Amino acid sequence: MFEAAVLFARTQGIVPAPETAHAVRAAIDEAIKCRENGEEKCIVIAFSGHGHFDLAAYDDYLSGQLKDYEYPEEKIKEALEKIPKIPGV
């Protein structure tokens, strides 16, 4: 995700917030798929926020210090169980 964010920042001059960088990553992946399939699409993303408050995370990424953390599946299931059930959804 940070790789996509850095590419976006270098080409567009805007540092995306990490949350926004997920959309950037998805757009890049979709563009690569289109190129591979010979397909043309207009790919649009919603860009909100900026990375000014996340510059320490970018520094960690660029210096190789960012730790890759995968949230435990057990904790995800536990959190999902706490979401109220909505009839019809």
C-alpha atoms as a PDB file:
ATOM      1  CA  MET A   1       0.000   0.000   0.000  1.00  0.00           C
ATOM      2  CA  PHE A   2       2.823   2.410   0.847  1.00  0.00           C
ATOM      3  CA  GLU A   3       4.497   1.529  -2.459  1.00  0.00           C
ATOM      4  CA  ALA A   4       1.387   2.750  -4.308  1.00  0.00           C
ATOM      5  CA  ALA A   5       1.180   5.843  -2.112  1.00  0.00           C
ATOM      6  CA  VAL A   6       4.790   6.783  -2.827  1.00  0.00           C
ATOM      7  CA  LEU A   7       4.273   6.252  -6.572  1.00  0.00           C
ATOM      8  CA  PHE A   8       1.179   8.488  -6.429  1.00  0.00           C
ATOM      9  CA  ALA A   9       3.047  11.160  -4.462  1.00  0.00           C
ATOM     10  CA  ARG A  10       5.941  11.141  -6.925  1.00  0.00           C
ATOM     11  CA  THR A  11       3.721  11.351  -9.996  1.00  0.00           C
ATOM     12  CA  GLN A  12       0.927  13.607  -8.710  1.00  0.00           C
ATOM     13  CA  GLY A  13       2.688  15.713  -6.068  1.00  0.00           C
ATOM     14  CA  ILE A  14       0.192  14.834  -3.329  1.00  0.00           C
ATOM     15  CA  VAL A  15       0.980  12.599  -0.361  1.00  0.00           C
ATOM     16  CA  PRO A  16      -2.097  10.438   0.271  1.00  0.00           C
ATOM     17  CA  ALA A  17      -3.136   9.376   3.737  1.00  0.00           C
ATOM     18  CA  PRO A  18      -2.644   5.632   4.261  1.00  0.00           C
ATOM     19  CA  GLU A  19      -6.415   5.085   4.170  1.00  0.00           C
ATOM     20  CA  THR A  20      -6.600   6.785   0.776  1.00  0.00           C
ATOM     21  CA  ALA A  21      -3.570   4.840  -0.424  1.00  0.00           C
ATOM     22  CA  HIS A  22      -5.661   1.662  -0.368  1.00  0.00           C
ATOM     23  CA  ALA A  23      -7.864   3.188  -3.093  1.00  0.00           C
ATOM     24  CA  VAL A  24      -4.757   4.225  -5.012  1.00  0.00           C
ATOM     25  CA  ARG A  25      -3.428   0.648  -4.789  1.00  0.00           C
ATOM     26  CA  ALA A  26      -6.752  -0.750  -6.048  1.00  0.00           C
ATOM     27  CA  ALA A  27      -6.779   1.709  -8.960  1.00  0.00           C
ATOM     28  CA  ILE A  28      -3.226   0.763  -9.933  1.00  0.00           C
ATOM     29  CA  ASP A  29      -4.107  -2.942  -9.760  1.00  0.00           C
ATOM     30  CA  GLU A  30      -7.169  -2.360 -11.944  1.00  0.00           C
ATOM     31  CA  ALA A  31      -5.102  -0.381 -14.473  1.00  0.00           C
ATOM     32  CA  ILE A  32      -2.559  -3.203 -14.665  1.00  0.00           C
ATOM     33  CA  LYS A  33      -5.372  -5.714 -15.281  1.00  0.00           C
ATOM     34  CA  CYS A  34      -6.729  -3.500 -18.062  1.00  0.00           C
ATOM     35  CA  ARG A  35      -3.304  -3.231 -19.686  1.00  0.00           C
ATOM     36  CA  GLU A  36      -2.847  -7.014 -19.528  1.00  0.00           C
ATOM     37  CA  ASN A  37      -6.314  -7.640 -21.033  1.00  0.00           C
ATOM     38  CA  GLY A  38      -6.089  -4.877 -23.647  1.00  0.00           C
ATOM     39  CA  GLU A  39      -9.113  -3.214 -22.057  1.00  0.00           C
ATOM     40  CA  GLU A  40      -9.680   0.524 -21.699  1.00  0.00           C
ATOM     41  CA  LYS A  41     -11.485   1.879 -18.633  1.00  0.00           C
ATOM     42  CA  CYS A  42     -11.922   5.175 -16.896  1.00  0.00           C
ATOM     43  CA  ILE A  43     -10.771   4.445 -13.334  1.00  0.00           C
ATOM     44  CA  VAL A  44     -11.927   6.910 -10.690  1.00  0.00           C
ATOM     45  CA  ILE A  45     -10.991   6.979  -7.009  1.00  0.00           C
ATOM     46  CA  ALA A  46     -12.244   9.052  -4.110  1.00  0.00           C
ATOM     47  CA  PHE A  47      -9.261  10.897  -2.696  1.00  0.00           C
ATOM     48  CA  SER A  48      -9.770  12.225   0.802  1.00  0.00           C
ATOM     49  CA  GLY A  49      -7.282  13.343   3.370  1.00  0.00           C
ATOM     50  CA  HIS A  50      -3.585  13.878   3.017  1.00  0.00           C
ATOM     51  CA  GLY A  51      -0.552  12.210   4.503  1.00  0.00           C
ATOM     52  CA  HIS A  52       0.824  15.168   6.451  1.00  0.00           C
ATOM     53  CA  PHE A  53      -0.005  13.541   9.778  1.00  0.00           C
ATOM     54  CA  ASP A  54       1.392  10.224   8.558  1.00  0.00           C
ATOM     55  CA  LEU A  55       4.822  11.400   7.471  1.00  0.00           C
ATOM     56  CA  ALA A  56       6.477   9.381  10.261  1.00  0.00           C
ATOM     57  CA  ALA A  57       4.934   6.216   8.792  1.00  0.00           C
ATOM     58  CA  TYR A  58       6.210   7.183   5.333  1.00  0.00           C
ATOM     59  CA  ASP A  59       9.654   7.780   6.834  1.00  0.00           C
ATOM     60  CA  ASP A  60       9.541   4.324   8.447  1.00  0.00           C
ATOM     61  CA  TYR A  61       8.493   2.786   5.116  1.00  0.00           C
ATOM     62  CA  LEU A  62      11.181   4.530   3.074  1.00  0.00           C
ATOM     63  CA  SER A  63      13.903   3.665   5.613  1.00  0.00           C
ATOM     64  CA  GLY A  64      12.852   0.012   5.810  1.00  0.00           C
ATOM     65  CA  GLN A  65      11.719   0.316   9.421  1.00  0.00           C
ATOM     66  CA  LEU A  66       7.963  -0.124   8.904  1.00  0.00           C
ATOM     67  CA  LYS A  67       6.784  -3.357  10.489  1.00  0.00           C
ATOM     68  CA  ASP A  68       4.305  -5.459   8.515  1.00  0.00           C
ATOM     69  CA  TYR A  69       1.540  -6.316  10.947  1.00  0.00           C
ATOM     70  CA  GLU A  70      -1.281  -8.678  10.149  1.00  0.00           C
ATOM     71  CA  TYR A  71      -4.231  -8.312  12.486  1.00  0.00           C
ATOM     72  CA  PRO A  72      -5.053 -11.713  14.033  1.00  0.00           C
ATOM     73  CA  GLU A  73      -8.005 -13.492  12.396  1.00  0.00           C
ATOM     74  CA  GLU A  74      -9.297 -14.342  15.872  1.00  0.00           C
ATOM     75  CA  LYS A  75      -9.535 -10.644  16.777  1.00  0.00           C
ATOM     76  CA  ILE A  76     -11.325  -9.865  13.499  1.00  0.00           C
ATOM     77  CA  LYS A  77     -13.941 -12.541  14.159  1.00  0.00           C
ATOM     78  CA  GLU A  78     -14.367 -11.278  17.720  1.00  0.00           C
ATOM     79  CA  ALA A  79     -14.934  -7.705  16.500  1.00  0.00           C
ATOM     80  CA  LEU A  80     -17.390  -8.807  13.794  1.00  0.00           C
ATOM     81  CA  GLU A  81     -19.476 -10.640  16.385  1.00  0.00           C
ATOM     82  CA  LYS A  82     -19.999  -7.327  18.209  1.00  0.00           C
ATOM     83  CA  ILE A  83     -21.566  -5.625  15.188  1.00  0.00           C
ATOM     84  CA  PRO A  84     -25.337  -5.413  15.662  1.00  0.00           C
ATOM     85  CA  LYS A  85     -27.385  -7.549  13.304  1.00  0.00           C
ATOM     86  CA  ILE A  86     -29.659  -5.501  11.036  1.00  0.00           C
ATOM     87  CA  PRO A  87     -32.703  -7.325   9.671  1.00  0.00           C
ATOM     88  CA  GLY A  88     -32.778  -7.500   5.888  1.00  0.00           C
ATOM     89  CA  VAL A  89     -29.098  -6.671   5.443  1.00  0.00           C
END
